[in-house]
C-alpha cells in the first residue's frame, strides 16, 4: 500500500531480460535501507526487491506488469519515481494507492498555468472497465507514474492534472513531453463503489 507521495528518483543502471520477465537494476539514496522482499513502487508499479548489492537493487517485472505499464519502455539512465510502502502510523498525505497499475495513458498536451503546468492525458476507454470504476471524476484522485494527483476536466477518455514546480522538480514529470507514455492507477474507492452498485 502506498500514498502516491514520491520519495525521489531511482536511476535505471541495468536491464536484463529473463524469458518473459525483465530484471531492472536501479540505484537511489535509500538502497542501504532496503531489504529483500520489500515492496517499492516504481512509476506506480509495486515491485519486490529481489537482490541488493554494491549500492544497487534489483526488481523483477513479469509479463502482466509489462503489458499494463510503461516499464517495458524503460532504458538504462531513465529516472523512475520510487516510493516505499506506506507506514500505517502517520498521516495519509496523498491517497490510497495500491501500486497495481491499471493501464497506460499518453500525454497529449502541456499548457502553462503561470508557474505550474497542466498535463492532459488520454487513455483507451473501455465501457465494461468503466462500469467497474476505471474512470476519472472531477476533483477525484488518480495516480500518474506513482504520483497522487487531483483530476481536472475529465472526459470519457482524457483528464488533466496540474503540476506545481515542486512536483515537477522532484518527480519524472520533468521528463514528460507530448507523446510520453505514463502509468495510471484509477482510485480504488471508485472501483469499490462501482462494484457495490453492481451487487
N, C-alpha and C. Protein backbone atom coordinates (compact mmCIF):
# COMPACT_ATOMS: atom_id res chain seq x y z
N UNK A 1 0.85 -1.18 0.00
CA UNK A 1 0.00 0.00 0.00
C UNK A 1 0.89 1.24 0.00
N UNK A 2 0.47 2.25 -0.81
CA UNK A 2 1.29 3.45 -0.98
C UNK A 2 0.40 4.68 -0.84
N UNK A 3 1.02 5.85 -0.83
CA UNK A 3 0.28 7.10 -0.70
C UNK A 3 0.35 7.96 -1.95
N UNK A 4 1.26 7.63 -2.87
CA UNK A 4 1.43 8.45 -4.06
C UNK A 4 2.30 9.67 -3.82
N UNK A 5 2.98 9.70 -2.68
CA UNK A 5 3.93 10.78 -2.40
C UNK A 5 5.33 10.25 -2.72
N UNK A 6 5.89 10.70 -3.81
CA UNK A 6 7.16 10.17 -4.31
C UNK A 6 8.30 10.59 -3.38
N UNK A 7 9.17 9.62 -3.07
CA UNK A 7 10.31 9.92 -2.22
C UNK A 7 11.45 10.55 -3.01
N UNK A 8 11.72 10.00 -4.18
CA UNK A 8 12.81 10.50 -5.01
C UNK A 8 12.84 9.73 -6.33
N UNK A 9 13.86 10.01 -7.13
CA UNK A 9 14.10 9.22 -8.33
C UNK A 9 14.97 8.01 -7.98
N UNK A 10 14.76 6.93 -8.69
CA UNK A 10 15.78 5.89 -8.80
C UNK A 10 16.23 5.92 -10.26
N UNK A 11 17.48 5.60 -10.48
CA UNK A 11 18.02 5.59 -11.84
C UNK A 11 18.24 4.16 -12.28
N UNK A 12 17.76 3.84 -13.47
CA UNK A 12 17.95 2.50 -14.04
C UNK A 12 19.40 2.36 -14.48
N UNK A 13 20.11 1.35 -13.94
CA UNK A 13 21.52 1.18 -14.30
C UNK A 13 21.75 -0.09 -15.12
N UNK A 14 20.78 -1.01 -15.13
CA UNK A 14 20.91 -2.22 -15.95
C UNK A 14 19.53 -2.82 -16.18
N UNK A 15 19.36 -3.43 -17.34
CA UNK A 15 18.11 -4.11 -17.70
C UNK A 15 18.46 -5.46 -18.28
N UNK A 16 17.86 -6.51 -17.75
CA UNK A 16 18.17 -7.86 -18.23
C UNK A 16 16.88 -8.64 -18.43
N UNK A 17 16.70 -9.15 -19.63
CA UNK A 17 15.50 -9.93 -19.94
C UNK A 17 15.71 -11.38 -19.52
N UNK A 18 14.71 -11.96 -18.88
CA UNK A 18 14.74 -13.35 -18.44
C UNK A 18 13.43 -14.00 -18.86
N UNK A 19 13.43 -14.60 -20.04
CA UNK A 19 12.22 -15.14 -20.66
C UNK A 19 11.19 -14.02 -20.80
N UNK A 20 10.00 -14.15 -20.19
CA UNK A 20 9.00 -13.09 -20.30
C UNK A 20 9.15 -12.02 -19.23
N UNK A 21 10.11 -12.19 -18.33
CA UNK A 21 10.34 -11.22 -17.26
C UNK A 21 11.45 -10.25 -17.65
N UNK A 22 11.48 -9.12 -16.95
CA UNK A 22 12.60 -8.20 -17.07
C UNK A 22 13.09 -7.86 -15.66
N UNK A 23 14.40 -8.01 -15.44
CA UNK A 23 15.04 -7.61 -14.19
C UNK A 23 15.60 -6.20 -14.37
N UNK A 24 15.18 -5.30 -13.49
CA UNK A 24 15.69 -3.93 -13.52
C UNK A 24 16.62 -3.73 -12.34
N UNK A 25 17.82 -3.24 -12.61
CA UNK A 25 18.75 -2.86 -11.56
C UNK A 25 18.74 -1.35 -11.45
N UNK A 26 18.55 -0.86 -10.23
CA UNK A 26 18.42 0.58 -10.00
C UNK A 26 19.28 1.02 -8.83
N UNK A 27 19.50 2.32 -8.75
CA UNK A 27 20.20 2.89 -7.61
C UNK A 27 19.45 4.12 -7.14
N UNK A 28 19.45 4.34 -5.82
CA UNK A 28 18.85 5.53 -5.23
C UNK A 28 19.49 5.74 -3.86
N UNK A 29 19.10 6.80 -3.17
CA UNK A 29 19.79 7.15 -1.93
C UNK A 29 19.48 6.19 -0.78
N UNK A 30 18.34 5.47 -0.84
CA UNK A 30 17.98 4.62 0.29
C UNK A 30 18.20 3.14 0.04
N UNK A 31 19.08 2.80 -0.89
CA UNK A 31 19.36 1.39 -1.18
C UNK A 31 19.76 0.64 0.10
N UNK A 32 20.60 1.26 0.94
CA UNK A 32 21.09 0.58 2.13
C UNK A 32 19.99 0.34 3.17
N UNK A 33 18.84 1.00 3.01
CA UNK A 33 17.72 0.81 3.93
C UNK A 33 16.74 -0.26 3.44
N UNK A 34 16.94 -0.73 2.22
CA UNK A 34 16.04 -1.73 1.66
C UNK A 34 16.36 -3.12 2.18
N UNK A 35 15.40 -4.00 2.05
CA UNK A 35 15.62 -5.41 2.40
C UNK A 35 14.98 -6.29 1.32
N UNK A 36 15.48 -7.49 1.20
CA UNK A 36 14.92 -8.45 0.26
C UNK A 36 13.44 -8.68 0.61
N UNK A 37 12.59 -8.80 -0.39
CA UNK A 37 11.14 -9.00 -0.27
C UNK A 37 10.38 -7.71 0.03
N UNK A 38 11.07 -6.59 0.14
CA UNK A 38 10.38 -5.33 0.40
C UNK A 38 9.67 -4.84 -0.85
N UNK A 39 8.51 -4.20 -0.67
CA UNK A 39 7.75 -3.65 -1.79
C UNK A 39 8.13 -2.19 -2.01
N UNK A 40 8.43 -1.86 -3.27
CA UNK A 40 8.73 -0.49 -3.65
C UNK A 40 7.96 -0.19 -4.92
N UNK A 41 7.28 0.96 -4.95
CA UNK A 41 6.56 1.37 -6.15
C UNK A 41 7.52 2.05 -7.11
N UNK A 42 7.49 1.62 -8.37
CA UNK A 42 8.33 2.18 -9.43
C UNK A 42 7.40 2.72 -10.52
N UNK A 43 7.36 4.05 -10.67
CA UNK A 43 6.38 4.68 -11.57
C UNK A 43 4.97 4.18 -11.25
N UNK A 44 4.74 3.92 -9.97
CA UNK A 44 3.42 3.49 -9.52
C UNK A 44 3.20 1.99 -9.51
N UNK A 45 4.18 1.21 -9.96
CA UNK A 45 4.06 -0.24 -10.01
C UNK A 45 4.74 -0.85 -8.80
N UNK A 46 3.99 -1.61 -8.01
CA UNK A 46 4.55 -2.27 -6.84
C UNK A 46 5.41 -3.45 -7.30
N UNK A 47 6.70 -3.40 -6.98
CA UNK A 47 7.63 -4.47 -7.34
C UNK A 47 8.40 -4.90 -6.09
N UNK A 48 8.81 -6.15 -6.07
CA UNK A 48 9.51 -6.72 -4.92
C UNK A 48 11.02 -6.66 -5.13
N UNK A 49 11.72 -6.20 -4.12
CA UNK A 49 13.18 -6.20 -4.16
C UNK A 49 13.66 -7.65 -4.07
N UNK A 50 14.43 -8.10 -5.07
CA UNK A 50 14.88 -9.49 -5.09
C UNK A 50 16.37 -9.64 -4.78
N UNK A 51 17.13 -8.57 -4.94
CA UNK A 51 18.54 -8.63 -4.54
C UNK A 51 19.07 -7.22 -4.32
N UNK A 52 20.12 -7.13 -3.49
CA UNK A 52 20.77 -5.86 -3.18
C UNK A 52 22.27 -6.10 -3.17
N UNK A 53 23.00 -5.27 -3.89
CA UNK A 53 24.46 -5.43 -3.92
C UNK A 53 25.11 -4.16 -4.46
N UNK A 54 26.23 -3.80 -3.86
CA UNK A 54 27.06 -2.68 -4.33
C UNK A 54 26.27 -1.39 -4.57
N UNK A 55 25.38 -1.05 -3.63
CA UNK A 55 24.63 0.19 -3.76
C UNK A 55 23.56 0.16 -4.82
N UNK A 56 23.18 -1.02 -5.24
CA UNK A 56 22.13 -1.18 -6.25
C UNK A 56 21.14 -2.23 -5.78
N UNK A 57 19.94 -2.18 -6.33
CA UNK A 57 18.97 -3.22 -6.02
C UNK A 57 18.27 -3.66 -7.30
N UNK A 58 17.70 -4.86 -7.24
CA UNK A 58 17.07 -5.45 -8.43
C UNK A 58 15.61 -5.77 -8.12
N UNK A 59 14.74 -5.45 -9.08
CA UNK A 59 13.33 -5.83 -9.02
C UNK A 59 12.99 -6.53 -10.33
N UNK A 60 11.97 -7.38 -10.29
CA UNK A 60 11.57 -8.13 -11.47
C UNK A 60 10.13 -7.77 -11.85
N UNK A 61 9.93 -7.49 -13.13
CA UNK A 61 8.59 -7.24 -13.65
C UNK A 61 8.20 -8.39 -14.56
N UNK A 62 7.02 -8.97 -14.32
CA UNK A 62 6.56 -10.08 -15.15
C UNK A 62 5.73 -9.55 -16.32
N UNK A 63 5.35 -10.45 -17.22
CA UNK A 63 4.69 -10.07 -18.47
C UNK A 63 3.41 -9.26 -18.22
N UNK A 64 2.58 -9.68 -17.26
CA UNK A 64 1.34 -8.95 -16.95
C UNK A 64 1.64 -7.51 -16.59
N UNK A 65 2.66 -7.30 -15.78
CA UNK A 65 3.06 -5.95 -15.39
C UNK A 65 3.57 -5.16 -16.58
N UNK A 66 4.39 -5.80 -17.40
CA UNK A 66 4.94 -5.13 -18.58
C UNK A 66 3.85 -4.76 -19.58
N UNK A 67 2.84 -5.62 -19.70
CA UNK A 67 1.74 -5.36 -20.64
C UNK A 67 0.88 -4.18 -20.20
N UNK A 68 0.76 -3.96 -18.89
CA UNK A 68 -0.14 -2.92 -18.37
C UNK A 68 0.56 -1.61 -18.05
N UNK A 69 1.88 -1.58 -18.12
CA UNK A 69 2.62 -0.42 -17.64
C UNK A 69 3.64 0.05 -18.67
N UNK A 70 4.33 1.13 -18.31
CA UNK A 70 5.38 1.67 -19.19
C UNK A 70 6.76 1.14 -18.84
N UNK A 71 6.85 0.16 -17.94
CA UNK A 71 8.16 -0.32 -17.51
C UNK A 71 8.95 -0.95 -18.65
N UNK A 72 8.25 -1.59 -19.57
CA UNK A 72 8.94 -2.20 -20.70
C UNK A 72 9.58 -1.19 -21.63
N UNK A 73 9.24 0.08 -21.49
CA UNK A 73 9.82 1.14 -22.31
C UNK A 73 11.06 1.75 -21.68
N UNK A 74 11.35 1.38 -20.42
CA UNK A 74 12.50 1.97 -19.73
C UNK A 74 13.81 1.61 -20.40
N UNK A 75 14.75 2.55 -20.31
CA UNK A 75 16.10 2.34 -20.82
C UNK A 75 17.09 2.69 -19.72
N UNK A 76 18.30 2.17 -19.85
CA UNK A 76 19.36 2.50 -18.90
C UNK A 76 19.54 4.01 -18.87
N UNK A 77 19.57 4.56 -17.65
CA UNK A 77 19.72 6.00 -17.47
C UNK A 77 18.41 6.71 -17.17
N UNK A 78 17.28 6.04 -17.42
CA UNK A 78 15.98 6.66 -17.15
C UNK A 78 15.77 6.84 -15.65
N UNK A 79 15.02 7.89 -15.31
CA UNK A 79 14.66 8.16 -13.91
C UNK A 79 13.26 7.58 -13.66
N UNK A 80 13.13 6.91 -12.53
CA UNK A 80 11.88 6.26 -12.15
C UNK A 80 11.44 6.83 -10.80
N UNK A 81 10.16 7.20 -10.69
CA UNK A 81 9.62 7.65 -9.41
C UNK A 81 9.53 6.46 -8.46
N UNK A 82 10.07 6.61 -7.25
CA UNK A 82 10.02 5.50 -6.29
C UNK A 82 9.40 5.95 -4.97
N UNK A 83 8.68 5.01 -4.38
CA UNK A 83 8.08 5.21 -3.06
C UNK A 83 8.07 3.88 -2.33
N UNK A 84 8.60 3.87 -1.14
CA UNK A 84 8.49 2.67 -0.31
C UNK A 84 7.08 2.55 0.26
N UNK A 85 6.70 1.35 0.67
CA UNK A 85 5.34 1.14 1.16
C UNK A 85 5.04 2.04 2.36
N UNK A 86 3.77 2.37 2.49
CA UNK A 86 3.31 3.33 3.47
C UNK A 86 3.35 2.76 4.88
N UNK A 87 3.80 3.58 5.82
CA UNK A 87 3.70 3.24 7.24
C UNK A 87 2.28 3.57 7.70
N UNK A 88 1.68 2.71 8.49
CA UNK A 88 0.29 2.90 8.89
C UNK A 88 0.17 3.62 10.23
N UNK A 89 1.17 4.44 10.57
CA UNK A 89 1.15 5.12 11.86
C UNK A 89 1.26 6.64 11.71
N UNK A 90 0.88 7.15 10.53
CA UNK A 90 1.00 8.59 10.31
C UNK A 90 -0.08 9.11 9.40
N UNK A 91 0.10 10.31 8.90
CA UNK A 91 -0.87 10.96 8.03
C UNK A 91 -0.81 10.35 6.63
N UNK A 92 -1.97 10.30 5.98
CA UNK A 92 -2.03 9.88 4.58
C UNK A 92 -2.03 11.15 3.75
N UNK A 93 -0.86 11.53 3.26
CA UNK A 93 -0.72 12.82 2.57
C UNK A 93 -1.25 12.79 1.14
N UNK A 94 -1.26 11.64 0.50
CA UNK A 94 -1.76 11.56 -0.87
C UNK A 94 -3.15 10.94 -0.87
N UNK A 95 -3.26 9.75 -1.45
CA UNK A 95 -4.50 8.97 -1.35
C UNK A 95 -4.11 7.50 -1.35
N UNK A 96 -5.08 6.63 -1.16
CA UNK A 96 -4.77 5.20 -1.09
C UNK A 96 -4.38 4.69 -2.47
N UNK A 97 -3.13 4.28 -2.59
CA UNK A 97 -2.58 3.79 -3.86
C UNK A 97 -2.15 2.35 -3.65
N UNK A 98 -2.61 1.46 -4.49
CA UNK A 98 -2.29 0.05 -4.32
C UNK A 98 -0.97 -0.35 -4.98
N UNK A 99 -0.53 0.41 -5.96
CA UNK A 99 0.64 0.00 -6.73
C UNK A 99 0.29 -1.01 -7.79
N UNK A 100 -1.01 -1.11 -8.11
CA UNK A 100 -1.49 -2.02 -9.16
C UNK A 100 -1.92 -1.16 -10.34
N UNK A 101 -1.00 -0.88 -11.24
CA UNK A 101 -1.29 -0.01 -12.37
C UNK A 101 -2.37 -0.63 -13.24
N UNK A 102 -3.35 0.19 -13.61
CA UNK A 102 -4.48 -0.31 -14.40
C UNK A 102 -4.18 -0.32 -15.90
N UNK A 103 -3.52 0.71 -16.38
CA UNK A 103 -3.21 0.81 -17.80
C UNK A 103 -2.27 2.00 -18.00
N UNK A 104 -1.93 2.22 -19.26
CA UNK A 104 -1.10 3.38 -19.58
C UNK A 104 -1.96 4.47 -20.20
N UNK A 105 -1.40 5.66 -20.21
CA UNK A 105 -2.01 6.81 -20.88
C UNK A 105 -0.89 7.55 -21.60
N UNK A 106 -1.28 8.40 -22.53
CA UNK A 106 -0.29 9.14 -23.30
C UNK A 106 -0.53 10.64 -23.10
N UNK A 107 0.55 11.39 -22.89
CA UNK A 107 0.44 12.84 -22.75
C UNK A 107 0.07 13.44 -24.11
N UNK A 108 -1.00 14.22 -24.13
CA UNK A 108 -1.45 14.82 -25.40
C UNK A 108 -1.28 16.33 -25.42
N UNK A 109 -1.05 16.94 -24.24
CA UNK A 109 -0.87 18.40 -24.21
C UNK A 109 -0.22 18.82 -22.91
N UNK A 110 0.53 19.92 -22.99
CA UNK A 110 1.13 20.57 -21.82
C UNK A 110 0.84 22.06 -21.96
N UNK A 111 0.20 22.63 -20.94
CA UNK A 111 -0.20 24.03 -21.01
C UNK A 111 0.30 24.78 -19.79
N UNK A 112 0.91 25.94 -20.05
CA UNK A 112 1.43 26.75 -18.96
C UNK A 112 0.29 27.32 -18.13
N UNK A 113 0.47 27.30 -16.82
CA UNK A 113 -0.53 27.85 -15.90
C UNK A 113 0.11 28.92 -15.03
N UNK A 114 0.93 29.75 -15.65
CA UNK A 114 1.57 30.87 -14.97
C UNK A 114 2.36 30.40 -13.74
N UNK A 115 3.24 29.46 -13.97
CA UNK A 115 4.11 28.93 -12.92
C UNK A 115 3.97 27.44 -12.75
N UNK A 116 2.78 26.94 -12.91
CA UNK A 116 2.54 25.50 -12.89
C UNK A 116 2.26 25.04 -14.32
N UNK A 117 2.00 23.74 -14.48
CA UNK A 117 1.76 23.19 -15.81
C UNK A 117 0.58 22.24 -15.77
N UNK A 118 -0.35 22.39 -16.72
CA UNK A 118 -1.43 21.43 -16.90
C UNK A 118 -0.97 20.38 -17.91
N UNK A 119 -1.04 19.11 -17.50
CA UNK A 119 -0.78 17.99 -18.39
C UNK A 119 -2.10 17.32 -18.73
N UNK A 120 -2.34 17.06 -20.01
CA UNK A 120 -3.51 16.31 -20.44
C UNK A 120 -3.08 14.92 -20.85
N UNK A 121 -3.80 13.90 -20.37
CA UNK A 121 -3.50 12.52 -20.69
C UNK A 121 -4.73 11.85 -21.32
N UNK A 122 -4.49 11.04 -22.32
CA UNK A 122 -5.56 10.27 -22.97
C UNK A 122 -5.27 8.79 -22.76
N UNK A 123 -6.34 8.03 -22.51
CA UNK A 123 -6.21 6.59 -22.31
C UNK A 123 -7.28 5.86 -23.10
N UNK A 124 -7.05 4.58 -23.35
CA UNK A 124 -8.03 3.77 -24.08
C UNK A 124 -9.24 3.53 -23.19
N UNK A 125 -10.39 4.03 -23.64
CA UNK A 125 -11.61 3.89 -22.87
C UNK A 125 -12.27 2.56 -23.20
N UNK A 126 -12.68 1.84 -22.16
CA UNK A 126 -13.39 0.58 -22.32
C UNK A 126 -14.65 0.66 -21.47
N UNK A 127 -15.81 0.55 -22.11
CA UNK A 127 -17.07 0.73 -21.39
C UNK A 127 -17.25 -0.27 -20.25
N UNK A 128 -16.87 -1.52 -20.49
CA UNK A 128 -17.01 -2.55 -19.44
C UNK A 128 -16.10 -2.22 -18.26
N UNK A 129 -14.88 -1.77 -18.54
CA UNK A 129 -13.96 -1.40 -17.46
C UNK A 129 -14.49 -0.18 -16.71
N UNK A 130 -15.07 0.77 -17.43
CA UNK A 130 -15.62 1.97 -16.80
C UNK A 130 -16.74 1.60 -15.83
N UNK A 131 -17.56 0.62 -16.20
CA UNK A 131 -18.63 0.18 -15.29
C UNK A 131 -18.05 -0.40 -14.00
N UNK A 132 -16.80 -0.83 -14.06
CA UNK A 132 -16.12 -1.37 -12.88
C UNK A 132 -15.28 -0.33 -12.15
N UNK A 133 -15.44 0.94 -12.51
CA UNK A 133 -14.77 2.01 -11.79
C UNK A 133 -13.48 2.51 -12.39
N UNK A 134 -13.18 2.09 -13.61
CA UNK A 134 -11.93 2.51 -14.26
C UNK A 134 -12.20 3.77 -15.07
N UNK A 135 -12.31 4.90 -14.35
CA UNK A 135 -12.53 6.19 -14.99
C UNK A 135 -12.11 7.27 -14.01
N UNK A 136 -12.11 8.50 -14.46
CA UNK A 136 -11.74 9.62 -13.59
C UNK A 136 -12.95 10.53 -13.39
N UNK A 137 -12.96 11.22 -12.27
CA UNK A 137 -14.01 12.19 -11.97
C UNK A 137 -13.36 13.50 -11.54
N UNK A 138 -14.04 14.60 -11.81
CA UNK A 138 -13.51 15.91 -11.48
C UNK A 138 -13.25 16.02 -9.98
N UNK A 139 -12.08 16.47 -9.63
CA UNK A 139 -11.60 16.63 -8.26
C UNK A 139 -11.39 15.30 -7.55
N UNK A 140 -11.46 14.21 -8.28
CA UNK A 140 -11.13 12.91 -7.71
C UNK A 140 -9.63 12.68 -7.76
N UNK A 141 -9.22 11.51 -7.34
CA UNK A 141 -7.79 11.17 -7.31
C UNK A 141 -7.43 10.25 -8.45
N UNK A 142 -6.20 10.40 -8.94
CA UNK A 142 -5.63 9.49 -9.93
C UNK A 142 -4.13 9.43 -9.65
N UNK A 143 -3.53 8.30 -9.97
CA UNK A 143 -2.09 8.16 -9.81
C UNK A 143 -1.45 8.12 -11.19
N UNK A 144 -0.49 9.00 -11.43
CA UNK A 144 0.22 9.06 -12.71
C UNK A 144 1.70 8.82 -12.43
N UNK A 145 2.24 7.74 -12.97
CA UNK A 145 3.64 7.36 -12.69
C UNK A 145 3.92 7.34 -11.19
N UNK A 146 2.90 6.91 -10.42
CA UNK A 146 3.07 6.78 -8.98
C UNK A 146 2.78 8.03 -8.18
N UNK A 147 2.48 9.16 -8.86
CA UNK A 147 2.25 10.43 -8.19
C UNK A 147 0.75 10.60 -7.92
N UNK A 148 0.39 10.84 -6.66
CA UNK A 148 -1.00 11.11 -6.30
C UNK A 148 -1.38 12.50 -6.77
N UNK A 149 -2.44 12.57 -7.60
CA UNK A 149 -2.83 13.84 -8.20
C UNK A 149 -4.34 14.01 -8.18
N UNK A 150 -4.78 15.26 -8.32
CA UNK A 150 -6.20 15.60 -8.40
C UNK A 150 -6.60 15.79 -9.85
N UNK A 151 -7.70 15.17 -10.23
CA UNK A 151 -8.19 15.21 -11.62
C UNK A 151 -8.85 16.55 -11.91
N UNK A 152 -8.56 17.09 -13.09
CA UNK A 152 -9.24 18.28 -13.61
C UNK A 152 -9.83 17.93 -14.97
N UNK A 153 -10.98 18.50 -15.28
CA UNK A 153 -11.56 18.45 -16.63
C UNK A 153 -11.58 17.06 -17.26
N UNK A 154 -12.13 16.06 -16.58
CA UNK A 154 -12.16 14.72 -17.18
C UNK A 154 -13.18 14.62 -18.31
N UNK A 155 -12.86 13.82 -19.31
CA UNK A 155 -13.81 13.43 -20.35
C UNK A 155 -13.90 11.91 -20.30
N UNK A 156 -14.54 11.34 -21.29
CA UNK A 156 -14.67 9.88 -21.31
C UNK A 156 -13.31 9.19 -21.33
N UNK A 157 -12.33 9.78 -22.03
CA UNK A 157 -11.04 9.10 -22.18
C UNK A 157 -9.84 10.01 -21.97
N UNK A 158 -10.05 11.17 -21.34
CA UNK A 158 -8.93 12.07 -21.04
C UNK A 158 -9.13 12.69 -19.67
N UNK A 159 -8.05 13.23 -19.13
CA UNK A 159 -8.12 14.02 -17.90
C UNK A 159 -6.90 14.92 -17.86
N UNK A 160 -6.98 15.94 -17.05
CA UNK A 160 -5.86 16.83 -16.83
C UNK A 160 -5.42 16.75 -15.36
N UNK A 161 -4.15 17.06 -15.13
CA UNK A 161 -3.63 17.26 -13.79
C UNK A 161 -2.77 18.51 -13.80
N UNK A 162 -2.74 19.22 -12.69
CA UNK A 162 -1.93 20.43 -12.56
C UNK A 162 -0.69 20.11 -11.74
N UNK A 163 0.46 20.38 -12.30
CA UNK A 163 1.73 20.06 -11.65
C UNK A 163 2.41 21.34 -11.18
N UNK A 164 2.61 21.45 -9.87
CA UNK A 164 3.29 22.61 -9.32
C UNK A 164 4.80 22.46 -9.51
N UNK A 165 5.55 23.55 -9.40
CA UNK A 165 7.00 23.47 -9.63
C UNK A 165 7.71 22.45 -8.75
N UNK A 166 7.31 22.32 -7.48
CA UNK A 166 7.96 21.35 -6.60
C UNK A 166 7.82 19.93 -7.15
N UNK A 167 6.62 19.57 -7.56
CA UNK A 167 6.39 18.23 -8.10
C UNK A 167 7.17 18.04 -9.40
N UNK A 168 7.22 19.06 -10.22
CA UNK A 168 7.97 18.98 -11.47
C UNK A 168 9.45 18.71 -11.18
N UNK A 169 9.98 19.37 -10.17
CA UNK A 169 11.40 19.24 -9.85
C UNK A 169 11.75 17.90 -9.23
N UNK A 170 10.82 17.32 -8.46
CA UNK A 170 11.13 16.14 -7.66
C UNK A 170 10.55 14.83 -8.18
N UNK A 171 9.93 14.86 -9.35
CA UNK A 171 9.42 13.63 -9.97
C UNK A 171 9.81 13.61 -11.44
N UNK A 172 9.56 12.47 -12.09
CA UNK A 172 9.92 12.41 -13.51
C UNK A 172 8.88 13.08 -14.42
N UNK A 173 7.97 13.86 -13.84
CA UNK A 173 7.14 14.74 -14.67
C UNK A 173 8.03 15.70 -15.46
N UNK A 174 9.21 15.99 -14.95
CA UNK A 174 10.13 16.88 -15.66
C UNK A 174 10.57 16.30 -17.00
N UNK A 175 10.43 14.98 -17.18
CA UNK A 175 10.82 14.33 -18.43
C UNK A 175 9.64 14.05 -19.35
N UNK A 176 8.42 14.31 -18.88
CA UNK A 176 7.24 14.02 -19.70
C UNK A 176 7.08 15.10 -20.76
N UNK A 177 6.83 14.65 -21.97
CA UNK A 177 6.56 15.51 -23.11
C UNK A 177 5.31 15.00 -23.81
N UNK A 178 4.77 15.76 -24.75
CA UNK A 178 3.66 15.27 -25.55
C UNK A 178 4.10 13.97 -26.23
N UNK A 179 3.32 12.93 -26.06
CA UNK A 179 3.65 11.62 -26.62
C UNK A 179 4.21 10.64 -25.60
N UNK A 180 4.64 11.13 -24.42
CA UNK A 180 5.19 10.25 -23.40
C UNK A 180 4.10 9.33 -22.84
N UNK A 181 4.46 8.06 -22.64
CA UNK A 181 3.55 7.08 -22.08
C UNK A 181 3.76 7.01 -20.57
N UNK A 182 2.66 7.10 -19.82
CA UNK A 182 2.73 7.06 -18.35
C UNK A 182 1.83 5.95 -17.83
N UNK A 183 2.07 5.57 -16.58
CA UNK A 183 1.22 4.59 -15.90
C UNK A 183 0.11 5.31 -15.15
N UNK A 184 -1.10 4.74 -15.19
CA UNK A 184 -2.18 5.31 -14.39
C UNK A 184 -2.84 4.22 -13.55
N UNK A 185 -3.19 4.61 -12.34
CA UNK A 185 -3.99 3.77 -11.45
C UNK A 185 -5.21 4.58 -11.04
N UNK A 186 -6.40 4.08 -11.39
CA UNK A 186 -7.63 4.75 -11.01
C UNK A 186 -7.88 4.56 -9.51
N UNK A 187 -8.70 5.42 -8.94
CA UNK A 187 -8.94 5.42 -7.50
C UNK A 187 -9.66 4.15 -7.07
N UNK A 188 -9.08 3.44 -6.10
CA UNK A 188 -9.66 2.19 -5.61
C UNK A 188 -11.05 2.41 -5.01
N UNK A 189 -11.31 3.59 -4.44
CA UNK A 189 -12.63 3.85 -3.86
C UNK A 189 -13.71 3.82 -4.94
N UNK A 190 -13.41 4.37 -6.10
CA UNK A 190 -14.36 4.35 -7.20
C UNK A 190 -14.63 2.93 -7.67
N UNK A 191 -13.62 2.08 -7.64
CA UNK A 191 -13.80 0.69 -8.07
C UNK A 191 -14.72 -0.06 -7.11
N UNK A 192 -14.55 0.18 -5.81
CA UNK A 192 -15.40 -0.49 -4.82
C UNK A 192 -16.84 0.00 -4.93
N UNK A 193 -17.01 1.29 -5.13
CA UNK A 193 -18.37 1.83 -5.25
C UNK A 193 -19.05 1.26 -6.49
N UNK A 194 -18.31 1.18 -7.60
CA UNK A 194 -18.88 0.62 -8.82
C UNK A 194 -19.27 -0.84 -8.62
N UNK A 195 -18.45 -1.58 -7.90
CA UNK A 195 -18.75 -3.00 -7.65
C UNK A 195 -19.97 -3.16 -6.75
N UNK A 196 -20.09 -2.32 -5.74
CA UNK A 196 -21.24 -2.37 -4.85
C UNK A 196 -22.54 -2.08 -5.60
N UNK A 197 -22.48 -1.15 -6.54
CA UNK A 197 -23.67 -0.83 -7.34
C UNK A 197 -24.10 -2.03 -8.19
N UNK A 198 -23.13 -2.81 -8.64
CA UNK A 198 -23.45 -4.00 -9.43
C UNK A 198 -24.11 -5.07 -8.57
N UNK A 199 -23.72 -5.12 -7.31
CA UNK A 199 -24.25 -6.15 -6.42
C UNK A 199 -25.60 -5.76 -5.82
